Amino acid sequence: KEREGVSCISVSGGVQNYADSVKGRFTISRDN
């Protein structure tokens, strides 16, 4: 299969986006 996006997080950390297939199951976070 092709590579697909799962989740991303903004520079601020305040915005996260998720693929529909993982919403509610995956959580992205960052520790700068």
Full PDB file with SEQRES, HELIX, SHEET, SSBOND, CRYST1, ORIGX, SCALE, CONECT and MASTER records, all heavy atoms in Angstrom:
SEQRES   1 A   32  LYS GLU ARG GLU GLY VAL SER CYS ILE SER VAL SER GLY          
SEQRES   2 A   32  GLY VAL GLN ASN TYR ALA ASP SER VAL LYS GLY ARG PHE          
SEQRES   3 A   32  THR ILE SER ARG ASP ASN                                      
SHEET    1 AA1 2 SER A   7  ILE A   9  0                                        
SHEET    2 AA1 2 GLN A  16  TYR A  18 -1                                        
CRYST1    1.000    1.000    1.000  90.00  90.00  90.00 P 1           1          
ORIGX1      1.000000  0.000000  0.000000        0.00000                         
ORIGX2      0.000000  1.000000  0.000000        0.00000                         
ORIGX3      0.000000  0.000000  1.000000        0.00000                         
SCALE1      1.000000  0.000000  0.000000        0.00000                         
SCALE2      0.000000  1.000000  0.000000        0.00000                         
SCALE3      0.000000  0.000000  1.000000        0.00000                         
ATOM      1  N   LYS A   1       0.839  -1.204   0.000  1.00  0.00           N  
ATOM      2  CA  LYS A   1       0.000   0.000   0.000  1.00  0.00           C  
ATOM      3  C   LYS A   1       0.870   1.247   0.000  1.00  0.00           C  
ATOM      4  O   LYS A   1       2.047   1.206   0.352  1.00  0.00           O  
ATOM      5  CB  LYS A   1      -0.934  -0.002   1.210  1.00  0.00           C  
ATOM      6  CG  LYS A   1      -1.957  -1.115   1.200  1.00  0.00           C  
ATOM      7  CD  LYS A   1      -2.968  -0.928   2.319  1.00  0.00           C  
ATOM      8  CE  LYS A   1      -4.053  -1.991   2.263  1.00  0.00           C  
ATOM      9  NZ  LYS A   1      -5.070  -1.806   3.346  1.00  0.00           N  
ATOM     10  N   GLU A   2       0.249   2.356  -0.367  1.00  0.00           N  
ATOM     11  CA  GLU A   2       0.964   3.624  -0.340  1.00  0.00           C  
ATOM     12  C   GLU A   2       1.101   4.129   1.095  1.00  0.00           C  
ATOM     13  O   GLU A   2       0.298   3.798   1.970  1.00  0.00           O  
ATOM     14  CB  GLU A   2       0.215   4.665  -1.177  1.00  0.00           C  
ATOM     15  CG  GLU A   2       0.243   4.396  -2.663  1.00  0.00           C  
ATOM     16  CD  GLU A   2      -0.310   5.571  -3.454  1.00  0.00           C  
ATOM     17  OE1 GLU A   2      -0.717   6.571  -2.848  1.00  0.00           O  
ATOM     18  OE2 GLU A   2      -0.337   5.469  -4.693  1.00  0.00           O  
ATOM     19  N   ARG A   3       2.131   4.938   1.293  1.00  0.00           N  
ATOM     20  CA  ARG A   3       2.291   5.573   2.590  1.00  0.00           C  
ATOM     21  C   ARG A   3       1.130   6.548   2.816  1.00  0.00           C  
ATOM     22  O   ARG A   3       0.728   7.283   1.896  1.00  0.00           O  
ATOM     23  CB  ARG A   3       3.621   6.311   2.642  1.00  0.00           C  
ATOM     24  CG  ARG A   3       4.031   6.783   4.013  1.00  0.00           C  
ATOM     25  CD  ARG A   3       5.459   7.284   4.031  1.00  0.00           C  
ATOM     26  NE  ARG A   3       6.406   6.242   3.665  1.00  0.00           N  
ATOM     27  CZ  ARG A   3       7.724   6.373   3.765  1.00  0.00           C  
ATOM     28  NH1 ARG A   3       8.250   7.513   4.213  1.00  0.00           N  
ATOM     29  NH2 ARG A   3       8.529   5.402   3.414  1.00  0.00           N  
ATOM     30  N   GLU A   4       0.608   6.560   4.037  1.00  0.00           N  
ATOM     31  CA  GLU A   4      -0.527   7.426   4.347  1.00  0.00           C  
ATOM     32  C   GLU A   4      -0.279   8.199   5.632  1.00  0.00           C  
ATOM     33  O   GLU A   4       0.438   7.744   6.532  1.00  0.00           O  
ATOM     34  CB  GLU A   4      -1.803   6.597   4.489  1.00  0.00           C  
ATOM     35  CG  GLU A   4      -1.793   5.617   5.627  1.00  0.00           C  
ATOM     36  CD  GLU A   4      -3.131   4.897   5.817  1.00  0.00           C  
ATOM     37  OE1 GLU A   4      -4.099   5.207   5.098  1.00  0.00           O  
ATOM     38  OE2 GLU A   4      -3.199   4.029   6.706  1.00  0.00           O  
ATOM     39  N   GLY A   5      -0.899   9.363   5.710  1.00  0.00           N  
ATOM     40  CA  GLY A   5      -0.793  10.173   6.905  1.00  0.00           C  
ATOM     41  C   GLY A   5      -1.657   9.625   8.012  1.00  0.00           C  
ATOM     42  O   GLY A   5      -2.803   9.221   7.773  1.00  0.00           O  
ATOM     43  N   VAL A   6      -1.132   9.606   9.213  1.00  0.00           N  
ATOM     44  CA  VAL A   6      -1.854   9.105  10.381  1.00  0.00           C  
ATOM     45  C   VAL A   6      -2.281  10.258  11.288  1.00  0.00           C  
ATOM     46  O   VAL A   6      -3.447  10.377  11.658  1.00  0.00           O  
ATOM     47  CB  VAL A   6      -0.977   8.113  11.176  1.00  0.00           C  
ATOM     48  CG1 VAL A   6      -1.668   7.695  12.467  1.00  0.00           C  
ATOM     49  CG2 VAL A   6      -0.630   6.903  10.319  1.00  0.00           C  
ATOM     50  N   SER A   7      -1.327  11.101  11.643  1.00  0.00           N  
ATOM     51  CA  SER A   7      -1.617  12.200  12.553  1.00  0.00           C  
ATOM     52  C   SER A   7      -0.517  13.242  12.453  1.00  0.00           C  
ATOM     53  O   SER A   7       0.620  12.922  12.123  1.00  0.00           O  
ATOM     54  CB  SER A   7      -1.710  11.684  13.989  1.00  0.00           C  
ATOM     55  OG  SER A   7      -1.995  12.746  14.887  1.00  0.00           O  
ATOM     56  N   CYS A   8      -0.878  14.496  12.733  1.00  0.00           N  
ATOM     57  CA  CYS A   8       0.143  15.548  12.790  1.00  0.00           C  
ATOM     58  C   CYS A   8      -0.189  16.499  13.923  1.00  0.00           C  
ATOM     59  O   CYS A   8      -1.329  16.539  14.415  1.00  0.00           O  
ATOM     60  CB  CYS A   8       0.267  16.283  11.467  1.00  0.00           C  
ATOM     61  SG  CYS A   8      -1.179  17.238  10.964  1.00  0.00           S  
ATOM     62  N   ILE A   9       0.827  17.269  14.329  1.00  0.00           N  
ATOM     63  CA  ILE A   9       0.672  18.208  15.437  1.00  0.00           C  
ATOM     64  C   ILE A   9       1.385  19.504  15.069  1.00  0.00           C  
ATOM     65  O   ILE A   9       2.470  19.497  14.481  1.00  0.00           O  
ATOM     66  CB  ILE A   9       1.213  17.593  16.751  1.00  0.00           C  
ATOM     67  CG1 ILE A   9       0.903  18.489  17.947  1.00  0.00           C  
ATOM     68  CG2 ILE A   9       2.713  17.300  16.650  1.00  0.00           C  
ATOM     69  CD1 ILE A   9       1.112  17.776  19.290  1.00  0.00           C  
ATOM     70  N   SER A  10       0.758  20.612  15.398  1.00  0.00           N  
ATOM     71  CA  SER A  10       1.289  21.915  15.038  1.00  0.00           C  
ATOM     72  C   SER A  10       2.511  22.279  15.878  1.00  0.00           C  
ATOM     73  O   SER A  10       2.813  21.618  16.882  1.00  0.00           O  
ATOM     74  CB  SER A  10       0.209  22.980  15.221  1.00  0.00           C  
ATOM     75  OG  SER A  10      -0.156  23.071  16.595  1.00  0.00           O  
ATOM     76  N   VAL A  11       3.189  23.326  15.476  1.00  0.00           N  
ATOM     77  CA  VAL A  11       4.343  23.823  16.237  1.00  0.00           C  
ATOM     78  C   VAL A  11       3.936  24.123  17.675  1.00  0.00           C  
ATOM     79  O   VAL A  11       4.643  23.779  18.623  1.00  0.00           O  
ATOM     80  CB  VAL A  11       4.924  25.074  15.564  1.00  0.00           C  
ATOM     81  CG1 VAL A  11       5.969  25.733  16.458  1.00  0.00           C  
ATOM     82  CG2 VAL A  11       5.536  24.731  14.211  1.00  0.00           C  
ATOM     83  N   SER A  12       2.790  24.748  17.842  1.00  0.00           N  
ATOM     84  CA  SER A  12       2.319  25.111  19.184  1.00  0.00           C  
ATOM     85  C   SER A  12       1.922  23.909  20.010  1.00  0.00           C  
ATOM     86  O   SER A  12       1.868  23.975  21.245  1.00  0.00           O  
ATOM     87  CB  SER A  12       1.132  26.060  19.075  1.00  0.00           C  
ATOM     88  OG  SER A  12       0.003  25.374  18.560  1.00  0.00           O  
ATOM     89  N   GLY A  13       1.608  22.795  19.332  1.00  0.00           N  
ATOM     90  CA  GLY A  13       1.096  21.625  20.026  1.00  0.00           C  
ATOM     91  C   GLY A  13      -0.402  21.680  20.252  1.00  0.00           C  
ATOM     92  O   GLY A  13      -1.007  20.693  20.673  1.00  0.00           O  
ATOM     93  N   GLY A  14      -1.010  22.816  19.957  1.00  0.00           N  
ATOM     94  CA  GLY A  14      -2.418  22.983  20.253  1.00  0.00           C  
ATOM     95  C   GLY A  14      -3.365  22.453  19.194  1.00  0.00           C  
ATOM     96  O   GLY A  14      -4.567  22.354  19.428  1.00  0.00           O  
ATOM     97  N   VAL A  15      -2.850  22.124  18.035  1.00  0.00           N  
ATOM     98  CA  VAL A  15      -3.669  21.596  16.950  1.00  0.00           C  
ATOM     99  C   VAL A  15      -3.152  20.216  16.558  1.00  0.00           C  
ATOM    100  O   VAL A  15      -1.949  20.041  16.312  1.00  0.00           O  
ATOM    101  CB  VAL A  15      -3.637  22.532  15.725  1.00  0.00           C  
ATOM    102  CG1 VAL A  15      -4.349  21.895  14.547  1.00  0.00           C  
ATOM    103  CG2 VAL A  15      -4.266  23.872  16.069  1.00  0.00           C  
ATOM    104  N   GLN A  16      -4.050  19.258  16.542  1.00  0.00           N  
ATOM    105  CA  GLN A  16      -3.717  17.899  16.092  1.00  0.00           C  
ATOM    106  C   GLN A  16      -4.730  17.460  15.042  1.00  0.00           C  
ATOM    107  O   GLN A  16      -5.927  17.734  15.194  1.00  0.00           O  
ATOM    108  CB  GLN A  16      -3.745  16.901  17.254  1.00  0.00           C  
ATOM    109  CG  GLN A  16      -2.860  17.258  18.425  1.00  0.00           C  
ATOM    110  CD  GLN A  16      -3.634  17.956  19.525  1.00  0.00           C  
ATOM    111  OE1 GLN A  16      -4.777  17.594  19.819  1.00  0.00           O  
ATOM    112  NE2 GLN A  16      -3.028  18.959  20.142  1.00  0.00           N  
ATOM    113  N   ASN A  17      -4.255  16.820  14.031  1.00  0.00           N  
ATOM    114  CA  ASN A  17      -5.125  16.259  12.997  1.00  0.00           C  
ATOM    115  C   ASN A  17      -4.920  14.752  12.937  1.00  0.00           C  
ATOM    116  O   ASN A  17      -3.805  14.270  13.154  1.00  0.00           O  
ATOM    117  CB  ASN A  17      -4.833  16.878  11.630  1.00  0.00           C  
ATOM    118  CG  ASN A  17      -5.208  18.333  11.566  1.00  0.00           C  
ATOM    119  OD1 ASN A  17      -6.205  18.747  12.133  1.00  0.00           O  
ATOM    120  ND2 ASN A  17      -4.416  19.146  10.884  1.00  0.00           N  
ATOM    121  N   TYR A  18      -6.006  14.048  12.620  1.00  0.00           N  
ATOM    122  CA  TYR A  18      -5.941  12.586  12.568  1.00  0.00           C  
ATOM    123  C   TYR A  18      -6.636  12.074  11.310  1.00  0.00           C  
ATOM    124  O   TYR A  18      -7.637  12.633  10.863  1.00  0.00           O  
ATOM    125  CB  TYR A  18      -6.637  11.976  13.786  1.00  0.00           C  
ATOM    126  CG  TYR A  18      -5.990  12.315  15.101  1.00  0.00           C  
ATOM    127  CD1 TYR A  18      -6.411  13.415  15.840  1.00  0.00           C  
ATOM    128  CD2 TYR A  18      -4.953  11.533  15.612  1.00  0.00           C  
ATOM    129  CE1 TYR A  18      -5.810  13.741  17.050  1.00  0.00           C  
ATOM    130  CE2 TYR A  18      -4.349  11.845  16.816  1.00  0.00           C  
ATOM    131  CZ  TYR A  18      -4.783  12.953  17.530  1.00  0.00           C  
ATOM    132  OH  TYR A  18      -4.171  13.262  18.728  1.00  0.00           O  
ATOM    133  N   ALA A  19      -6.110  10.972  10.787  1.00  0.00           N  
ATOM    134  CA  ALA A  19      -6.828  10.260   9.739  1.00  0.00           C  
ATOM    135  C   ALA A  19      -8.109   9.690  10.339  1.00  0.00           C  
ATOM    136  O   ALA A  19      -8.148   9.328  11.525  1.00  0.00           O  
ATOM    137  CB  ALA A  19      -5.961   9.136   9.185  1.00  0.00           C  
ATOM    138  N   ASP A  20      -9.150   9.618   9.537  1.00  0.00           N  
ATOM    139  CA  ASP A  20     -10.435   9.111  10.036  1.00  0.00           C  
ATOM    140  C   ASP A  20     -10.292   7.712  10.634  1.00  0.00           C  
ATOM    141  O   ASP A  20     -10.978   7.373  11.601  1.00  0.00           O  
ATOM    142  CB  ASP A  20     -11.454   9.084   8.901  1.00  0.00           C  
ATOM    143  CG  ASP A  20     -11.913  10.471   8.504  1.00  0.00           C  
ATOM    144  OD1 ASP A  20     -11.713  11.427   9.289  1.00  0.00           O  
ATOM    145  OD2 ASP A  20     -12.472  10.608   7.397  1.00  0.00           O  
ATOM    146  N   SER A  21      -9.414   6.908  10.075  1.00  0.00           N  
ATOM    147  CA  SER A  21      -9.271   5.524  10.506  1.00  0.00           C  
ATOM    148  C   SER A  21      -8.698   5.380  11.916  1.00  0.00           C  
ATOM    149  O   SER A  21      -8.808   4.305  12.518  1.00  0.00           O  
ATOM    150  CB  SER A  21      -8.390   4.755   9.522  1.00  0.00           C  
ATOM    151  OG  SER A  21      -7.107   5.354   9.423  1.00  0.00           O  
ATOM    152  N   VAL A  22      -8.096   6.443  12.441  1.00  0.00           N  
ATOM    153  CA  VAL A  22      -7.469   6.337  13.774  1.00  0.00           C  
ATOM    154  C   VAL A  22      -8.087   7.288  14.790  1.00  0.00           C  
ATOM    155  O   VAL A  22      -7.701   7.265  15.968  1.00  0.00           O  
ATOM    156  CB  VAL A  22      -5.948   6.573  13.705  1.00  0.00           C  
ATOM    157  CG1 VAL A  22      -5.302   5.650  12.675  1.00  0.00           C  
ATOM    158  CG2 VAL A  22      -5.621   8.031  13.402  1.00  0.00           C  
ATOM    159  N   LYS A  23      -9.016   8.118  14.366  1.00  0.00           N  
ATOM    160  CA  LYS A  23      -9.640   9.074  15.294  1.00  0.00           C  
ATOM    161  C   LYS A  23     -10.269   8.344  16.463  1.00  0.00           C  
ATOM    162  O   LYS A  23     -10.958   7.336  16.296  1.00  0.00           O  
ATOM    163  CB  LYS A  23     -10.698   9.901  14.564  1.00  0.00           C  
ATOM    164  CG  LYS A  23     -10.146  11.025  13.736  1.00  0.00           C  
ATOM    165  CD  LYS A  23     -11.257  11.817  13.064  1.00  0.00           C  
ATOM    166  CE  LYS A  23     -10.683  12.919  12.196  1.00  0.00           C  
ATOM    167  NZ  LYS A  23     -11.742  13.657  11.460  1.00  0.00           N  
ATOM    168  N   GLY A  24     -10.022   8.871  17.659  1.00  0.00           N  
ATOM    169  CA  GLY A  24     -10.574   8.268  18.858  1.00  0.00           C  
ATOM    170  C   GLY A  24      -9.741   7.132  19.416  1.00  0.00           C  
ATOM    171  O   GLY A  24     -10.003   6.666  20.534  1.00  0.00           O  
ATOM    172  N   ARG A  25      -8.739   6.684  18.655  1.00  0.00           N  
ATOM    173  CA  ARG A  25      -7.891   5.576  19.122  1.00  0.00           C  
ATOM    174  C   ARG A  25      -6.442   6.004  19.304  1.00  0.00           C  
ATOM    175  O   ARG A  25      -5.739   5.489  20.168  1.00  0.00           O  
ATOM    176  CB  ARG A  25      -7.942   4.413  18.131  1.00  0.00           C  
ATOM    177  CG  ARG A  25      -9.331   3.839  17.920  1.00  0.00           C  
ATOM    178  CD  ARG A  25      -9.288   2.565  17.085  1.00  0.00           C  
ATOM    179  NE  ARG A  25      -8.776   2.793  15.745  1.00  0.00           N  
ATOM    180  CZ  ARG A  25      -7.699   2.175  15.244  1.00  0.00           C  
ATOM    181  NH1 ARG A  25      -7.018   1.313  15.979  1.00  0.00           N  
ATOM    182  NH2 ARG A  25      -7.293   2.430  14.000  1.00  0.00           N  
ATOM    183  N   PHE A  26      -5.987   6.928  18.483  1.00  0.00           N  
ATOM    184  CA  PHE A  26      -4.595   7.382  18.532  1.00  0.00           C  
ATOM    185  C   PHE A  26      -4.532   8.805  19.074  1.00  0.00           C  
ATOM    186  O   PHE A  26      -5.430   9.616  18.819  1.00  0.00           O  
ATOM    187  CB  PHE A  26      -3.965   7.362  17.142  1.00  0.00           C  
ATOM    188  CG  PHE A  26      -3.721   5.990  16.558  1.00  0.00           C  
ATOM    189  CD1 PHE A  26      -4.234   4.842  17.137  1.00  0.00           C  
ATOM    190  CD2 PHE A  26      -2.978   5.865  15.402  1.00  0.00           C  
ATOM    191  CE1 PHE A  26      -4.005   3.590  16.594  1.00  0.00           C  
ATOM    192  CE2 PHE A  26      -2.734   4.621  14.823  1.00  0.00           C  
ATOM    193  CZ  PHE A  26      -3.255   3.487  15.432  1.00  0.00           C  
ATOM    194  N   THR A  27      -3.447   9.104  19.794  1.00  0.00           N  
ATOM    195  CA  THR A  27      -3.220  10.451  20.305  1.00  0.00           C  
ATOM    196  C   THR A  27      -1.779  10.856  20.041  1.00  0.00           C  
ATOM    197  O   THR A  27      -0.853  10.143  20.436  1.00  0.00           O  
ATOM    198  CB  THR A  27      -3.499  10.535  21.810  1.00  0.00           C  
ATOM    199  OG1 THR A  27      -4.848  10.116  22.068  1.00  0.00           O  
ATOM    200  CG2 THR A  27      -3.309  11.959  22.316  1.00  0.00           C  
ATOM    201  N   ILE A  28      -1.614  11.979  19.370  1.00  0.00           N  
ATOM    202  CA  ILE A  28      -0.271  12.495  19.097  1.00  0.00           C  
ATOM    203  C   ILE A  28       0.082  13.555  20.128  1.00  0.00           C  
ATOM    204  O   ILE A  28      -0.803  14.302  20.592  1.00  0.00           O  
ATOM    205  CB  ILE A  28      -0.197  13.084  17.663  1.00  0.00           C  
ATOM    206  CG1 ILE A  28       1.248  13.374  17.263  1.00  0.00           C  
ATOM    207  CG2 ILE A  28      -1.067  14.333  17.536  1.00  0.00           C  
ATOM    208  CD1 ILE A  28       1.404  13.738  15.779  1.00  0.00           C  
ATOM    209  N   SER A  29       1.341  13.610  20.502  1.00  0.00           N  
ATOM    210  CA  SER A  29       1.798  14.636  21.444  1.00  0.00           C  
ATOM    211  C   SER A  29       3.267  14.929  21.179  1.00  0.00           C  
ATOM    212  O   SER A  29       3.955  14.160  20.497  1.00  0.00           O  
ATOM    213  CB  SER A  29       1.584  14.186  22.893  1.00  0.00           C  
ATOM    214  OG  SER A  29       2.338  13.020  23.176  1.00  0.00           O  
ATOM    215  N   ARG A  30       3.727  16.042  21.729  1.00  0.00           N  
ATOM    216  CA  ARG A  30       5.119  16.422  21.547  1.00  0.00           C  
ATOM    217  C   ARG A  30       5.658  17.020  22.833  1.00  0.00           C  
ATOM    218  O   ARG A  30       4.914  17.634  23.605  1.00  0.00           O  
ATOM    219  CB  ARG A  30       5.282  17.394  20.392  1.00  0.00           C  
ATOM    220  CG  ARG A  30       4.585  18.725  20.565  1.00  0.00           C  
ATOM    221  CD  ARG A  30       4.583  19.534  19.260  1.00  0.00           C  
ATOM    222  NE  ARG A  30       5.940  19.907  18.876  1.00  0.00           N  
ATOM    223  CZ  ARG A  30       6.252  20.341  17.654  1.00  0.00           C  
ATOM    224  NH1 ARG A  30       5.325  20.439  16.718  1.00  0.00           N  
ATOM    225  NH2 ARG A  30       7.503  20.687  17.373  1.00  0.00           N  
ATOM    226  N   ASP A  31       6.947  16.859  23.039  1.00  0.00           N  
ATOM    227  CA  ASP A  31       7.646  17.452  24.172  1.00  0.00           C  
ATOM    228  C   ASP A  31       8.858  18.162  23.597  1.00  0.00           C  
ATOM    229  O   ASP A  31       9.893  17.540  23.355  1.00  0.00           O  
ATOM    230  CB  ASP A  31       8.047  16.366  25.169  1.00  0.00           C  
ATOM    231  CG  ASP A  31       8.738  16.933  26.398  1.00  0.00           C  
ATOM    232  OD1 ASP A  31       9.192  18.090  26.356  1.00  0.00           O  
ATOM    233  OD2 ASP A  31       8.837  16.210  27.399  1.00  0.00           O  
ATOM    234  N   ASN A  32       8.720  19.443  23.365  1.00  0.00           N  
ATOM    235  CA  ASN A  32       9.800  20.181  22.707  1.00  0.00           C  
ATOM    236  C   ASN A  32      11.055  20.242  23.569  1.00  0.00           C  
ATOM    237  O   ASN A  32      12.170  20.230  23.056  1.00  0.00           O  
ATOM    238  CB  ASN A  32       9.336  21.587  22.359  1.00  0.00           C  
ATOM    239  CG  ASN A  32       8.315  21.592  21.243  1.00  0.00           C  
ATOM    240  OD1 ASN A  32       8.206  20.644  20.465  1.00  0.00           O  
ATOM    241  ND2 ASN A  32       7.540  22.664  21.159  1.00  0.00           N  
TER     242      ASN A  32                                                      
MASTER        0    0    0    0    2    0    0    6  241    1    0    3          
END                                                                             
